[in-house]
């Protein structure tokens, strides 16, 4: 990168990246849990898991939404010297940063099935579903405002995409980068310098 240049990652991609790694291990852990009678029995475990799924999905979806909107409304236009990080690179970096936490969460969910079958797995899946829904919500905001939201990659590496360490978002037009609104993969990559 040249002098004064820096990389930007899509906000929706950062939010969406761990969703699949929470959803599928959560579903797997819940499936394993159903096979184990557990201390409470399967019926209580599944009912508790259903409640935890709904609560976790709602919390993951709702937490910090005001902060996301505050940063989005105050976002400035990205300059021509910035580099837009590919979706795959952002996903890989985010998952790498969280991989040990995700593995521990999966193992804890499977282990807890011996006490309350399926409940912790459904909790994990709920967090994944909530993050995916939040990414879609961000995508709807982007479409309504005809911009894509970006955040500096070094800020995301230090924490959450809407945490206290995040100074400001930046925006580009809707065709910038290789991820569409909500962080989904585009059919054709068009990543490059922001316009």
N, C-alpha and C. Protein backbone atom coordinates (compact mmCIF):
# COMPACT_ATOMS: atom_id res chain seq x y z
N UNK A 1 0.84 -1.20 0.00
CA UNK A 1 0.00 0.00 0.00
C UNK A 1 0.87 1.24 0.00
N UNK A 2 0.39 2.27 -0.68
CA UNK A 2 1.14 3.51 -0.73
C UNK A 2 0.98 4.32 0.55
N UNK A 3 1.68 5.43 0.54
CA UNK A 3 1.63 6.31 1.72
C UNK A 3 0.22 6.84 1.92
N UNK A 4 -0.26 6.77 3.14
CA UNK A 4 -1.60 7.24 3.46
C UNK A 4 -2.71 6.27 3.08
N UNK A 5 -2.35 5.14 2.47
CA UNK A 5 -3.37 4.16 2.08
C UNK A 5 -3.60 3.17 3.21
N UNK A 6 -4.79 2.61 3.25
CA UNK A 6 -5.14 1.60 4.25
C UNK A 6 -6.25 0.74 3.67
N UNK A 7 -6.50 -0.38 4.33
CA UNK A 7 -7.50 -1.34 3.84
C UNK A 7 -8.80 -1.19 4.60
N UNK A 8 -9.89 -1.42 3.88
CA UNK A 8 -11.23 -1.39 4.47
C UNK A 8 -11.89 -2.76 4.31
N UNK A 9 -12.63 -3.17 5.31
CA UNK A 9 -13.41 -4.41 5.25
C UNK A 9 -14.88 -4.06 5.32
N UNK A 10 -15.70 -4.84 4.63
CA UNK A 10 -17.15 -4.61 4.68
C UNK A 10 -17.69 -4.91 6.06
N UNK A 11 -18.46 -3.99 6.60
CA UNK A 11 -19.04 -4.15 7.94
C UNK A 11 -19.95 -5.38 7.99
N UNK A 12 -20.82 -5.53 6.99
CA UNK A 12 -21.76 -6.65 6.98
C UNK A 12 -21.04 -7.99 6.89
N UNK A 13 -19.92 -8.03 6.17
CA UNK A 13 -19.16 -9.28 6.07
C UNK A 13 -18.54 -9.63 7.41
N UNK A 14 -18.03 -8.63 8.12
CA UNK A 14 -17.44 -8.86 9.44
C UNK A 14 -18.49 -9.41 10.40
N UNK A 15 -19.70 -8.87 10.34
CA UNK A 15 -20.79 -9.34 11.20
C UNK A 15 -21.20 -10.76 10.81
N UNK A 16 -21.29 -11.02 9.52
CA UNK A 16 -21.80 -12.28 9.02
C UNK A 16 -20.80 -13.44 9.12
N UNK A 17 -19.49 -13.11 9.12
CA UNK A 17 -18.45 -14.14 9.04
C UNK A 17 -18.59 -15.28 10.06
N UNK A 18 -18.80 -15.01 11.35
CA UNK A 18 -18.88 -16.12 12.29
C UNK A 18 -20.24 -16.81 12.34
N UNK A 19 -21.23 -16.28 11.62
CA UNK A 19 -22.59 -16.83 11.72
C UNK A 19 -22.66 -18.30 11.34
N UNK A 20 -22.06 -18.66 10.22
CA UNK A 20 -22.09 -20.05 9.77
C UNK A 20 -21.34 -20.97 10.70
N UNK A 21 -20.24 -20.47 11.28
CA UNK A 21 -19.44 -21.27 12.18
C UNK A 21 -20.09 -21.39 13.56
N UNK A 22 -21.11 -20.65 13.81
CA UNK A 22 -21.92 -20.82 15.01
C UNK A 22 -23.16 -21.67 14.71
N UNK A 23 -23.78 -21.42 13.56
CA UNK A 23 -25.01 -22.13 13.19
C UNK A 23 -24.78 -23.63 13.03
N UNK A 24 -23.85 -24.02 12.13
CA UNK A 24 -23.67 -25.44 11.82
C UNK A 24 -23.11 -26.25 12.98
N UNK A 25 -22.09 -25.78 13.70
CA UNK A 25 -21.68 -26.52 14.90
C UNK A 25 -22.78 -26.58 15.96
N UNK A 26 -23.58 -25.51 16.04
CA UNK A 26 -24.70 -25.52 16.98
C UNK A 26 -25.72 -26.58 16.62
N UNK A 27 -26.06 -26.67 15.33
CA UNK A 27 -26.99 -27.70 14.86
C UNK A 27 -26.42 -29.09 15.11
N UNK A 28 -25.12 -29.26 14.83
CA UNK A 28 -24.47 -30.56 15.06
C UNK A 28 -24.47 -30.92 16.54
N UNK A 29 -24.12 -29.95 17.39
CA UNK A 29 -24.10 -30.20 18.84
C UNK A 29 -25.50 -30.52 19.35
N UNK A 30 -26.51 -29.84 18.83
CA UNK A 30 -27.89 -30.12 19.22
C UNK A 30 -28.29 -31.52 18.77
N UNK A 31 -27.88 -31.91 17.56
CA UNK A 31 -28.18 -33.25 17.07
C UNK A 31 -27.54 -34.33 17.91
N UNK A 32 -26.29 -34.10 18.29
CA UNK A 32 -25.60 -35.06 19.19
C UNK A 32 -26.32 -35.09 20.53
N UNK A 33 -26.73 -33.91 21.00
CA UNK A 33 -27.40 -33.83 22.29
C UNK A 33 -28.70 -34.59 22.35
N UNK A 34 -29.42 -34.63 21.24
CA UNK A 34 -30.70 -35.35 21.19
C UNK A 34 -30.48 -36.85 21.38
N UNK A 35 -29.30 -37.33 21.00
CA UNK A 35 -28.99 -38.76 21.14
C UNK A 35 -28.63 -39.15 22.56
N UNK A 36 -28.37 -38.14 23.40
CA UNK A 36 -27.96 -38.39 24.79
C UNK A 36 -29.15 -38.10 25.71
N UNK A 37 -29.52 -39.05 26.58
CA UNK A 37 -30.68 -38.80 27.46
C UNK A 37 -30.47 -37.61 28.40
N UNK A 38 -29.27 -37.46 28.93
CA UNK A 38 -28.97 -36.34 29.82
C UNK A 38 -29.68 -36.43 31.17
N UNK A 39 -29.32 -35.54 32.05
CA UNK A 39 -29.91 -35.55 33.40
C UNK A 39 -31.35 -35.07 33.40
N UNK A 40 -31.66 -34.12 32.53
CA UNK A 40 -33.02 -33.55 32.53
C UNK A 40 -33.97 -34.29 31.60
N UNK A 41 -33.42 -35.12 30.70
CA UNK A 41 -34.25 -35.77 29.70
C UNK A 41 -34.30 -34.95 28.42
N UNK A 42 -34.58 -35.62 27.31
CA UNK A 42 -34.54 -34.96 26.00
C UNK A 42 -35.61 -33.88 25.87
N UNK A 43 -36.80 -34.16 26.33
CA UNK A 43 -37.91 -33.21 26.15
C UNK A 43 -37.60 -31.86 26.80
N UNK A 44 -37.16 -31.90 28.04
CA UNK A 44 -36.83 -30.65 28.75
C UNK A 44 -35.64 -29.97 28.07
N UNK A 45 -34.66 -30.75 27.66
CA UNK A 45 -33.49 -30.18 26.99
C UNK A 45 -33.86 -29.46 25.70
N UNK A 46 -34.70 -30.08 24.89
CA UNK A 46 -35.10 -29.48 23.62
C UNK A 46 -35.96 -28.23 23.85
N UNK A 47 -36.86 -28.29 24.82
CA UNK A 47 -37.69 -27.11 25.13
C UNK A 47 -36.83 -25.96 25.65
N UNK A 48 -35.88 -26.28 26.53
CA UNK A 48 -34.97 -25.25 27.02
C UNK A 48 -34.12 -24.71 25.88
N UNK A 49 -33.69 -25.60 25.00
CA UNK A 49 -32.90 -25.18 23.85
C UNK A 49 -33.67 -24.27 22.92
N UNK A 50 -34.94 -24.56 22.70
CA UNK A 50 -35.76 -23.71 21.84
C UNK A 50 -35.88 -22.30 22.42
N UNK A 51 -36.07 -22.22 23.74
CA UNK A 51 -36.14 -20.91 24.40
C UNK A 51 -34.80 -20.18 24.28
N UNK A 52 -33.70 -20.91 24.51
CA UNK A 52 -32.37 -20.30 24.41
C UNK A 52 -32.07 -19.85 22.97
N UNK A 53 -32.52 -20.64 22.00
CA UNK A 53 -32.32 -20.26 20.60
C UNK A 53 -32.97 -18.91 20.31
N UNK A 54 -34.22 -18.76 20.71
CA UNK A 54 -34.95 -17.51 20.45
C UNK A 54 -34.31 -16.32 21.18
N UNK A 55 -33.93 -16.54 22.43
CA UNK A 55 -33.31 -15.46 23.21
C UNK A 55 -31.96 -15.07 22.61
N UNK A 56 -31.14 -16.07 22.28
CA UNK A 56 -29.81 -15.80 21.72
C UNK A 56 -29.91 -15.10 20.37
N UNK A 57 -30.83 -15.53 19.53
CA UNK A 57 -31.00 -14.90 18.22
C UNK A 57 -31.43 -13.45 18.38
N UNK A 58 -32.36 -13.20 19.29
CA UNK A 58 -32.84 -11.83 19.51
C UNK A 58 -31.72 -10.94 20.05
N UNK A 59 -30.96 -11.44 21.02
CA UNK A 59 -29.87 -10.65 21.60
C UNK A 59 -28.80 -10.36 20.56
N UNK A 60 -28.37 -11.38 19.82
CA UNK A 60 -27.34 -11.18 18.79
C UNK A 60 -27.80 -10.19 17.72
N UNK A 61 -29.08 -10.22 17.40
CA UNK A 61 -29.63 -9.31 16.40
C UNK A 61 -29.74 -7.88 16.92
N UNK A 62 -30.14 -7.72 18.17
CA UNK A 62 -30.45 -6.40 18.70
C UNK A 62 -29.26 -5.66 19.32
N UNK A 63 -28.28 -6.40 19.84
CA UNK A 63 -27.20 -5.75 20.59
C UNK A 63 -26.41 -4.80 19.68
N UNK A 64 -26.16 -3.60 20.18
CA UNK A 64 -25.37 -2.55 19.53
C UNK A 64 -25.97 -2.02 18.22
N UNK A 65 -27.23 -2.28 17.97
CA UNK A 65 -27.81 -1.76 16.71
C UNK A 65 -27.78 -0.24 16.67
N UNK A 66 -27.99 0.38 17.81
CA UNK A 66 -27.91 1.84 17.87
C UNK A 66 -26.53 2.35 17.51
N UNK A 67 -25.50 1.64 17.97
CA UNK A 67 -24.11 2.03 17.67
C UNK A 67 -23.82 1.85 16.17
N UNK A 68 -24.31 0.76 15.58
CA UNK A 68 -24.15 0.57 14.14
C UNK A 68 -24.78 1.73 13.36
N UNK A 69 -25.99 2.11 13.75
CA UNK A 69 -26.68 3.20 13.06
C UNK A 69 -25.95 4.54 13.26
N UNK A 70 -25.45 4.75 14.46
CA UNK A 70 -24.71 5.99 14.74
C UNK A 70 -23.48 6.09 13.84
N UNK A 71 -22.72 4.99 13.75
CA UNK A 71 -21.53 4.98 12.90
C UNK A 71 -21.89 5.09 11.42
N UNK A 72 -22.98 4.45 11.02
CA UNK A 72 -23.40 4.48 9.62
C UNK A 72 -23.83 5.87 9.20
N UNK A 73 -24.59 6.54 10.05
CA UNK A 73 -25.08 7.88 9.71
C UNK A 73 -23.97 8.91 9.66
N UNK A 74 -22.91 8.68 10.44
CA UNK A 74 -21.78 9.62 10.48
C UNK A 74 -20.66 9.22 9.51
N UNK A 75 -20.89 8.20 8.71
CA UNK A 75 -19.83 7.69 7.82
C UNK A 75 -19.45 8.72 6.76
N UNK A 76 -18.17 8.71 6.41
CA UNK A 76 -17.68 9.60 5.37
C UNK A 76 -17.34 8.79 4.11
N UNK A 77 -17.24 9.48 3.00
CA UNK A 77 -16.93 8.82 1.73
C UNK A 77 -15.49 8.33 1.74
N UNK A 78 -15.25 7.10 1.32
CA UNK A 78 -13.90 6.55 1.25
C UNK A 78 -13.10 7.24 0.16
N UNK A 79 -11.84 7.50 0.43
CA UNK A 79 -10.99 8.16 -0.55
C UNK A 79 -10.48 7.19 -1.61
N UNK A 80 -9.86 7.74 -2.64
CA UNK A 80 -9.37 6.91 -3.73
C UNK A 80 -8.13 6.10 -3.36
N UNK A 81 -7.47 6.47 -2.26
CA UNK A 81 -6.23 5.77 -1.88
C UNK A 81 -6.47 4.51 -1.07
N UNK A 82 -7.72 4.23 -0.68
CA UNK A 82 -7.97 3.06 0.16
C UNK A 82 -8.08 1.79 -0.69
N UNK A 83 -7.84 0.67 -0.05
CA UNK A 83 -7.98 -0.63 -0.70
C UNK A 83 -9.15 -1.36 -0.06
N UNK A 84 -9.99 -1.95 -0.89
CA UNK A 84 -11.16 -2.68 -0.41
C UNK A 84 -10.79 -4.16 -0.29
N UNK A 85 -10.87 -4.66 0.93
CA UNK A 85 -10.49 -6.04 1.19
C UNK A 85 -11.52 -7.00 0.59
N UNK A 86 -11.05 -8.05 -0.06
CA UNK A 86 -11.94 -9.06 -0.62
C UNK A 86 -12.77 -9.70 0.48
N UNK A 87 -13.97 -10.10 0.13
CA UNK A 87 -14.86 -10.76 1.07
C UNK A 87 -14.22 -12.00 1.68
N UNK A 88 -13.59 -12.82 0.85
CA UNK A 88 -12.99 -14.07 1.33
C UNK A 88 -11.87 -13.79 2.34
N UNK A 89 -11.11 -12.73 2.12
CA UNK A 89 -10.03 -12.38 3.04
C UNK A 89 -10.61 -11.93 4.39
N UNK A 90 -11.66 -11.12 4.34
CA UNK A 90 -12.31 -10.66 5.58
C UNK A 90 -12.88 -11.83 6.37
N UNK A 91 -13.57 -12.74 5.68
CA UNK A 91 -14.16 -13.91 6.34
C UNK A 91 -13.08 -14.76 6.97
N UNK A 92 -12.01 -15.01 6.22
CA UNK A 92 -10.93 -15.85 6.73
C UNK A 92 -10.26 -15.23 7.95
N UNK A 93 -10.00 -13.93 7.90
CA UNK A 93 -9.36 -13.24 9.03
C UNK A 93 -10.26 -13.24 10.26
N UNK A 94 -11.54 -13.02 10.04
CA UNK A 94 -12.47 -12.97 11.18
C UNK A 94 -12.61 -14.34 11.83
N UNK A 95 -12.74 -15.37 11.02
CA UNK A 95 -12.87 -16.72 11.57
C UNK A 95 -11.59 -17.17 12.24
N UNK A 96 -10.44 -16.78 11.68
CA UNK A 96 -9.17 -17.14 12.29
C UNK A 96 -9.05 -16.50 13.67
N UNK A 97 -9.49 -15.26 13.80
CA UNK A 97 -9.42 -14.56 15.08
C UNK A 97 -10.32 -15.20 16.13
N UNK A 98 -11.42 -15.83 15.68
CA UNK A 98 -12.40 -16.39 16.62
C UNK A 98 -12.34 -17.91 16.72
N UNK A 99 -11.44 -18.55 15.97
CA UNK A 99 -11.50 -20.01 15.82
C UNK A 99 -11.44 -20.76 17.14
N UNK A 100 -10.58 -20.35 18.08
CA UNK A 100 -10.46 -21.09 19.35
C UNK A 100 -11.70 -20.91 20.20
N UNK A 101 -12.28 -19.72 20.19
CA UNK A 101 -13.53 -19.49 20.94
C UNK A 101 -14.66 -20.33 20.35
N UNK A 102 -14.71 -20.41 19.03
CA UNK A 102 -15.75 -21.20 18.38
C UNK A 102 -15.59 -22.69 18.68
N UNK A 103 -14.33 -23.16 18.67
CA UNK A 103 -14.08 -24.57 18.98
C UNK A 103 -14.46 -24.88 20.43
N UNK A 104 -14.06 -24.01 21.34
CA UNK A 104 -14.40 -24.22 22.76
C UNK A 104 -15.92 -24.19 22.98
N UNK A 105 -16.60 -23.29 22.28
CA UNK A 105 -18.06 -23.20 22.40
C UNK A 105 -18.72 -24.49 21.92
N UNK A 106 -18.22 -25.03 20.80
CA UNK A 106 -18.77 -26.28 20.27
C UNK A 106 -18.54 -27.43 21.25
N UNK A 107 -17.33 -27.55 21.78
CA UNK A 107 -17.02 -28.64 22.72
C UNK A 107 -17.85 -28.50 23.99
N UNK A 108 -18.02 -27.27 24.46
CA UNK A 108 -18.85 -27.05 25.65
C UNK A 108 -20.30 -27.41 25.39
N UNK A 109 -20.78 -27.10 24.17
CA UNK A 109 -22.17 -27.41 23.83
C UNK A 109 -22.39 -28.92 23.78
N UNK A 110 -21.43 -29.65 23.20
CA UNK A 110 -21.55 -31.12 23.16
C UNK A 110 -21.47 -31.70 24.56
N UNK A 111 -20.51 -31.22 25.36
CA UNK A 111 -20.35 -31.73 26.72
C UNK A 111 -21.54 -31.46 27.61
N UNK A 112 -22.16 -30.30 27.44
CA UNK A 112 -23.30 -29.95 28.29
C UNK A 112 -24.54 -30.79 27.99
N UNK A 113 -24.52 -31.48 26.85
CA UNK A 113 -25.67 -32.32 26.49
C UNK A 113 -25.86 -33.48 27.47
N UNK A 114 -24.82 -33.83 28.18
CA UNK A 114 -24.94 -34.88 29.19
C UNK A 114 -25.74 -34.40 30.40
N UNK A 115 -25.88 -33.08 30.52
CA UNK A 115 -26.72 -32.51 31.58
C UNK A 115 -28.07 -32.10 31.01
N UNK A 116 -28.05 -31.22 30.00
CA UNK A 116 -29.28 -30.72 29.38
C UNK A 116 -29.17 -30.95 27.87
N UNK A 117 -29.73 -32.04 27.36
CA UNK A 117 -29.55 -32.40 25.95
C UNK A 117 -29.97 -31.29 24.98
N UNK A 118 -29.11 -31.02 24.00
CA UNK A 118 -29.38 -30.14 22.86
C UNK A 118 -29.44 -28.65 23.18
N UNK A 119 -29.58 -28.29 24.45
CA UNK A 119 -29.84 -26.88 24.79
C UNK A 119 -28.71 -25.95 24.36
N UNK A 120 -27.47 -26.28 24.72
CA UNK A 120 -26.35 -25.39 24.40
C UNK A 120 -26.10 -25.34 22.89
N UNK A 121 -26.32 -26.44 22.20
CA UNK A 121 -26.18 -26.43 20.75
C UNK A 121 -27.19 -25.50 20.10
N UNK A 122 -28.41 -25.50 20.59
CA UNK A 122 -29.43 -24.60 20.05
C UNK A 122 -29.11 -23.15 20.40
N UNK A 123 -28.49 -22.93 21.54
CA UNK A 123 -28.04 -21.60 21.92
C UNK A 123 -27.01 -21.08 20.91
N UNK A 124 -26.01 -21.92 20.57
CA UNK A 124 -25.01 -21.54 19.57
C UNK A 124 -25.65 -21.22 18.23
N UNK A 125 -26.55 -22.10 17.81
CA UNK A 125 -27.24 -21.89 16.53
C UNK A 125 -28.03 -20.58 16.56
N UNK A 126 -28.61 -20.24 17.68
CA UNK A 126 -29.36 -19.00 17.81
C UNK A 126 -28.48 -17.77 17.64
N UNK A 127 -27.27 -17.81 18.21
CA UNK A 127 -26.35 -16.69 18.04
C UNK A 127 -25.99 -16.54 16.56
N UNK A 128 -25.72 -17.67 15.90
CA UNK A 128 -25.42 -17.63 14.47
C UNK A 128 -26.57 -17.05 13.65
N UNK A 129 -27.79 -17.47 13.96
CA UNK A 129 -28.96 -16.96 13.24
C UNK A 129 -29.14 -15.46 13.48
N UNK A 130 -28.89 -15.02 14.71
CA UNK A 130 -29.02 -13.60 15.02
C UNK A 130 -28.00 -12.74 14.29
N UNK A 131 -26.76 -13.23 14.19
CA UNK A 131 -25.73 -12.48 13.46
C UNK A 131 -26.04 -12.42 11.96
N UNK A 132 -26.54 -13.53 11.43
CA UNK A 132 -26.92 -13.54 10.01
C UNK A 132 -28.06 -12.54 9.76
N UNK A 133 -29.04 -12.51 10.67
CA UNK A 133 -30.15 -11.55 10.54
C UNK A 133 -29.66 -10.12 10.66
N UNK A 134 -28.67 -9.87 11.52
CA UNK A 134 -28.13 -8.52 11.66
C UNK A 134 -27.41 -8.09 10.38
N UNK A 135 -26.68 -9.02 9.75
CA UNK A 135 -26.02 -8.70 8.49
C UNK A 135 -27.05 -8.34 7.43
N UNK A 136 -28.16 -9.06 7.39
CA UNK A 136 -29.23 -8.73 6.44
C UNK A 136 -29.85 -7.37 6.75
N UNK A 137 -30.00 -7.07 8.03
CA UNK A 137 -30.53 -5.76 8.44
C UNK A 137 -29.59 -4.64 7.96
N UNK A 138 -28.28 -4.84 8.13
CA UNK A 138 -27.31 -3.87 7.63
C UNK A 138 -27.42 -3.73 6.11
N UNK A 139 -27.63 -4.86 5.43
CA UNK A 139 -27.79 -4.82 3.98
C UNK A 139 -29.00 -4.02 3.56
N UNK A 140 -30.10 -4.14 4.29
CA UNK A 140 -31.30 -3.35 3.97
C UNK A 140 -31.03 -1.86 4.18
N UNK A 141 -30.27 -1.52 5.24
CA UNK A 141 -29.91 -0.12 5.47
C UNK A 141 -29.06 0.38 4.32
N UNK A 142 -28.10 -0.42 3.88
CA UNK A 142 -27.24 -0.03 2.77
C UNK A 142 -28.05 0.21 1.50
N UNK A 143 -28.98 -0.68 1.20
CA UNK A 143 -29.81 -0.51 0.01
C UNK A 143 -30.68 0.73 0.10
N UNK A 144 -31.24 0.97 1.28
CA UNK A 144 -32.11 2.14 1.46
C UNK A 144 -31.33 3.44 1.29
N UNK A 145 -30.04 3.42 1.66
CA UNK A 145 -29.22 4.64 1.59
C UNK A 145 -28.27 4.65 0.40
N UNK A 146 -28.33 3.59 -0.41
CA UNK A 146 -27.55 3.50 -1.64
C UNK A 146 -26.04 3.63 -1.42
N UNK A 147 -25.55 3.04 -0.34
CA UNK A 147 -24.11 3.02 -0.04
C UNK A 147 -23.76 1.66 0.56
N UNK A 148 -22.48 1.34 0.54
CA UNK A 148 -21.95 0.19 1.26
C UNK A 148 -21.10 0.70 2.40
N UNK A 149 -21.19 0.04 3.56
CA UNK A 149 -20.46 0.46 4.75
C UNK A 149 -19.15 -0.34 4.89
N UNK A 150 -18.08 0.38 5.19
CA UNK A 150 -16.75 -0.22 5.34
C UNK A 150 -16.12 0.26 6.64
N UNK A 151 -15.21 -0.56 7.18
CA UNK A 151 -14.49 -0.21 8.40
C UNK A 151 -13.03 -0.57 8.21
N UNK A 152 -12.15 0.18 8.82
CA UNK A 152 -10.72 -0.08 8.69
C UNK A 152 -10.37 -1.44 9.29
N UNK A 153 -9.58 -2.21 8.56
CA UNK A 153 -9.29 -3.58 8.98
C UNK A 153 -8.54 -3.64 10.31
N UNK A 154 -7.65 -2.69 10.57
CA UNK A 154 -6.89 -2.73 11.83
C UNK A 154 -7.78 -2.45 13.03
N UNK A 155 -8.88 -1.72 12.83
CA UNK A 155 -9.81 -1.48 13.93
C UNK A 155 -10.61 -2.73 14.25
N UNK A 156 -11.03 -3.45 13.22
CA UNK A 156 -11.81 -4.68 13.44
C UNK A 156 -10.95 -5.73 14.14
N UNK A 157 -9.66 -5.78 13.82
CA UNK A 157 -8.77 -6.77 14.42
C UNK A 157 -8.70 -6.61 15.94
N UNK A 158 -8.98 -5.42 16.44
CA UNK A 158 -8.92 -5.18 17.88
C UNK A 158 -10.24 -5.45 18.60
N UNK A 159 -11.30 -5.69 17.88
CA UNK A 159 -12.56 -5.91 18.57
C UNK A 159 -13.74 -6.06 17.64
N UNK A 160 -14.89 -5.68 18.14
CA UNK A 160 -16.14 -5.84 17.38
C UNK A 160 -16.29 -4.73 16.35
N UNK A 161 -17.07 -4.97 15.28
CA UNK A 161 -17.22 -3.96 14.22
C UNK A 161 -17.99 -2.72 14.64
N UNK A 162 -18.56 -2.72 15.84
CA UNK A 162 -19.22 -1.50 16.33
C UNK A 162 -18.79 -1.21 17.77
N UNK A 163 -17.60 -1.69 18.13
CA UNK A 163 -17.09 -1.48 19.48
C UNK A 163 -16.57 -0.07 19.71
N UNK A 164 -16.11 0.19 20.91
CA UNK A 164 -15.63 1.53 21.27
C UNK A 164 -14.39 1.92 20.48
N UNK A 165 -13.60 0.94 20.07
CA UNK A 165 -12.37 1.23 19.34
C UNK A 165 -12.59 1.62 17.89
N UNK A 166 -13.83 1.56 17.41
CA UNK A 166 -14.13 1.90 16.02
C UNK A 166 -14.36 3.40 15.92
N UNK A 167 -13.50 4.07 15.14
CA UNK A 167 -13.63 5.52 15.02
C UNK A 167 -14.77 5.95 14.14
N UNK A 168 -14.86 5.40 12.94
CA UNK A 168 -15.90 5.79 12.00
C UNK A 168 -15.96 4.78 10.86
N UNK A 169 -17.11 4.70 10.24
CA UNK A 169 -17.26 3.91 9.03
C UNK A 169 -16.97 4.81 7.83
N UNK A 170 -16.74 4.14 6.70
CA UNK A 170 -16.61 4.85 5.44
C UNK A 170 -17.56 4.21 4.45
N UNK A 171 -17.90 4.95 3.41
CA UNK A 171 -18.88 4.45 2.44
C UNK A 171 -18.30 4.45 1.03
N UNK A 172 -18.86 3.57 0.22
CA UNK A 172 -18.58 3.57 -1.22
C UNK A 172 -19.93 3.40 -1.92
N UNK A 173 -19.87 3.42 -3.24
CA UNK A 173 -21.06 3.14 -4.02
C UNK A 173 -21.44 1.67 -3.91
N UNK A 174 -22.59 1.33 -4.41
CA UNK A 174 -23.14 -0.02 -4.26
C UNK A 174 -22.39 -1.08 -5.05
N UNK A 175 -21.62 -0.69 -6.05
CA UNK A 175 -20.94 -1.70 -6.88
C UNK A 175 -19.51 -1.96 -6.42
N UNK A 176 -19.02 -1.28 -5.40
CA UNK A 176 -17.64 -1.47 -4.95
C UNK A 176 -17.48 -2.80 -4.22
N UNK A 177 -16.33 -3.41 -4.39
CA UNK A 177 -16.04 -4.64 -3.68
C UNK A 177 -16.72 -5.85 -4.28
N UNK A 178 -16.50 -7.00 -3.66
CA UNK A 178 -17.04 -8.26 -4.20
C UNK A 178 -18.11 -8.86 -3.31
N UNK A 179 -18.68 -8.05 -2.41
CA UNK A 179 -19.78 -8.51 -1.56
C UNK A 179 -20.95 -7.55 -1.71
N UNK A 180 -22.14 -8.08 -1.86
CA UNK A 180 -23.32 -7.26 -2.02
C UNK A 180 -23.85 -6.78 -0.68
N UNK A 181 -24.97 -6.05 -0.66
CA UNK A 181 -25.58 -5.62 0.59
C UNK A 181 -25.87 -6.81 1.50
N UNK A 182 -25.53 -6.67 2.77
CA UNK A 182 -25.71 -7.76 3.72
C UNK A 182 -24.53 -8.70 3.79
N UNK A 183 -23.51 -8.46 2.97
CA UNK A 183 -22.29 -9.27 3.03
C UNK A 183 -22.29 -10.53 2.21
N UNK A 184 -23.35 -10.76 1.43
CA UNK A 184 -23.40 -11.96 0.59
C UNK A 184 -22.41 -11.85 -0.56
N UNK A 185 -21.96 -12.99 -1.05
CA UNK A 185 -21.01 -13.04 -2.15
C UNK A 185 -21.67 -12.54 -3.43
N UNK A 186 -20.97 -11.70 -4.16
CA UNK A 186 -21.45 -11.26 -5.46
C UNK A 186 -21.09 -12.31 -6.50
N UNK A 187 -21.81 -12.29 -7.62
CA UNK A 187 -21.51 -13.23 -8.70
C UNK A 187 -20.16 -12.98 -9.34
N UNK A 188 -19.78 -11.71 -9.43
CA UNK A 188 -18.51 -11.36 -10.08
C UNK A 188 -17.76 -10.36 -9.21
N UNK A 189 -16.52 -10.66 -8.92
CA UNK A 189 -15.71 -9.78 -8.08
C UNK A 189 -15.37 -8.49 -8.82
N UNK A 190 -15.58 -7.37 -8.13
CA UNK A 190 -15.23 -6.07 -8.71
C UNK A 190 -14.44 -5.23 -7.73
N UNK A 191 -13.72 -5.91 -6.83
CA UNK A 191 -12.97 -5.19 -5.81
C UNK A 191 -11.88 -4.33 -6.43
N UNK A 192 -11.62 -3.23 -5.79
CA UNK A 192 -10.56 -2.34 -6.26
C UNK A 192 -10.55 -1.09 -5.44
N UNK A 193 -9.96 -0.07 -5.94
CA UNK A 193 -9.91 1.19 -5.21
C UNK A 193 -11.30 1.80 -5.17
N UNK A 194 -11.62 2.44 -4.04
CA UNK A 194 -12.94 3.06 -3.87
C UNK A 194 -13.04 4.28 -4.77
N UNK A 195 -14.25 4.53 -5.20
CA UNK A 195 -14.51 5.70 -6.03
C UNK A 195 -15.46 6.62 -5.28
